[in-house]
Protein backbone atom coordinates (compact mmCIF):
# COMPACT_ATOMS: atom_id res chain seq x y z
CA UNK A 1 134.20 93.05 125.14
CA UNK A 2 131.49 95.71 124.90
CA UNK A 3 133.97 98.10 123.27
CA UNK A 4 134.92 95.45 120.70
CA UNK A 5 131.27 94.82 119.84
CA UNK A 6 130.60 98.55 119.56
CA UNK A 7 133.65 98.94 117.32
CA UNK A 8 132.48 96.17 115.00
CA UNK A 9 128.99 97.65 114.85
CA UNK A 10 130.46 101.05 113.93
CA UNK A 11 132.04 99.71 110.72
CA UNK A 12 130.15 100.69 107.60
CA UNK A 13 131.92 99.03 104.67
CA UNK A 14 133.77 95.84 103.86
CA UNK A 15 136.96 97.87 103.41
CA UNK A 16 136.57 99.36 106.90
CA UNK A 17 136.05 95.87 108.28
CA UNK A 18 139.19 94.56 106.54
CA UNK A 19 141.23 97.47 107.88
CA UNK A 20 139.99 96.96 111.43
CA UNK A 21 140.50 93.20 111.38
CA UNK A 22 144.00 93.59 109.95
CA UNK A 23 144.88 95.98 112.78
CA UNK A 24 143.51 93.93 115.68
CA UNK A 25 144.15 90.36 114.52
CA UNK A 26 147.02 88.48 112.95
CA UNK A 27 146.59 87.12 109.44
CA UNK A 28 146.40 83.63 110.97
CA UNK A 29 143.62 84.68 113.37
CA UNK A 30 141.61 86.28 110.55
CA UNK A 31 141.98 83.12 108.46
CA UNK A 32 140.94 80.94 111.40
CA UNK A 33 137.78 82.97 112.07
CA UNK A 34 136.96 83.08 108.35
CA UNK A 35 137.47 79.31 108.12
CA UNK A 36 135.08 78.68 111.01
CA UNK A 37 132.39 80.80 109.37
CA UNK A 38 132.88 78.93 106.09
CA UNK A 39 132.60 75.63 107.98
CA UNK A 40 129.38 76.81 109.61
CA UNK A 41 127.96 77.79 106.22
CA UNK A 42 128.86 74.43 104.73
CA UNK A 43 127.41 72.50 107.68
CA UNK A 44 124.24 74.55 107.35
CA UNK A 45 124.10 73.55 103.68
CA UNK A 46 124.31 69.88 104.69
CA UNK A 47 127.82 69.18 103.40
CA UNK A 48 129.75 66.25 104.88
CA UNK A 49 132.72 66.46 107.23
CA UNK A 50 134.91 64.95 104.49
CA UNK A 51 133.88 67.57 101.93
CA UNK A 52 134.29 70.40 104.43
CA UNK A 53 137.71 69.13 105.50
CA UNK A 54 138.84 68.77 101.89
CA UNK A 55 137.52 72.14 100.71
CA UNK A 56 138.45 74.29 103.71
CA UNK A 57 141.41 72.49 105.24
CA UNK A 58 139.63 72.60 108.61
CA UNK A 59 140.36 69.75 111.00
CA UNK A 60 137.61 67.39 112.08
CA UNK A 61 137.96 68.89 115.59
CA UNK A 62 137.25 72.39 114.23
CA UNK A 63 134.31 71.12 112.21
CA UNK A 64 132.93 69.34 115.27
CA UNK A 65 133.38 72.44 117.45
CA UNK A 66 131.54 74.61 114.90
CA UNK A 67 128.76 72.03 114.59
CA UNK A 68 128.35 71.98 118.38
CA UNK A 69 128.11 75.77 118.37
CA UNK A 70 125.50 75.66 115.60
CA UNK A 71 123.43 73.15 117.55
CA UNK A 72 123.89 74.26 121.15
CA UNK A 73 125.55 77.68 121.07
CA UNK A 74 124.20 81.19 121.53
CA UNK A 75 122.74 81.21 117.95
CA UNK A 76 125.35 83.70 116.72
CA UNK A 77 126.21 81.55 113.72
CA UNK A 78 122.50 81.05 112.97
CA UNK A 79 121.84 84.79 113.10
CA UNK A 80 124.70 85.59 110.75
CA UNK A 81 124.02 82.73 108.34
CA UNK A 82 120.33 83.65 108.10
CA UNK A 83 121.18 87.30 107.52
CA UNK A 84 123.72 86.41 104.84
CA UNK A 85 121.05 84.28 103.15
CA UNK A 86 118.49 87.06 103.54
CA UNK A 87 116.17 84.83 105.59
CA UNK A 88 116.60 86.53 108.96
CA UNK A 89 113.37 86.45 110.93
CA UNK A 90 114.19 89.36 113.28
């Protein structure tokens, strides 16, 4: 797991990230991870389960799992969402 984290941190551009993800994950896995991040973003914006389900195609179970991670997880989603918004406090 350390090697994977180090590999991700070594990437410098979006194109490098795409290339790496395409090599280590299936298209379905990439889409699933991307969907979860989109769900997290939409939950953070206060959107409803119905809207999120309709716009992303995510199941209510996936939405619930992401919400639980946002509320009680290791704050990984929070860190990324704040950084993407430019409001990171660290």
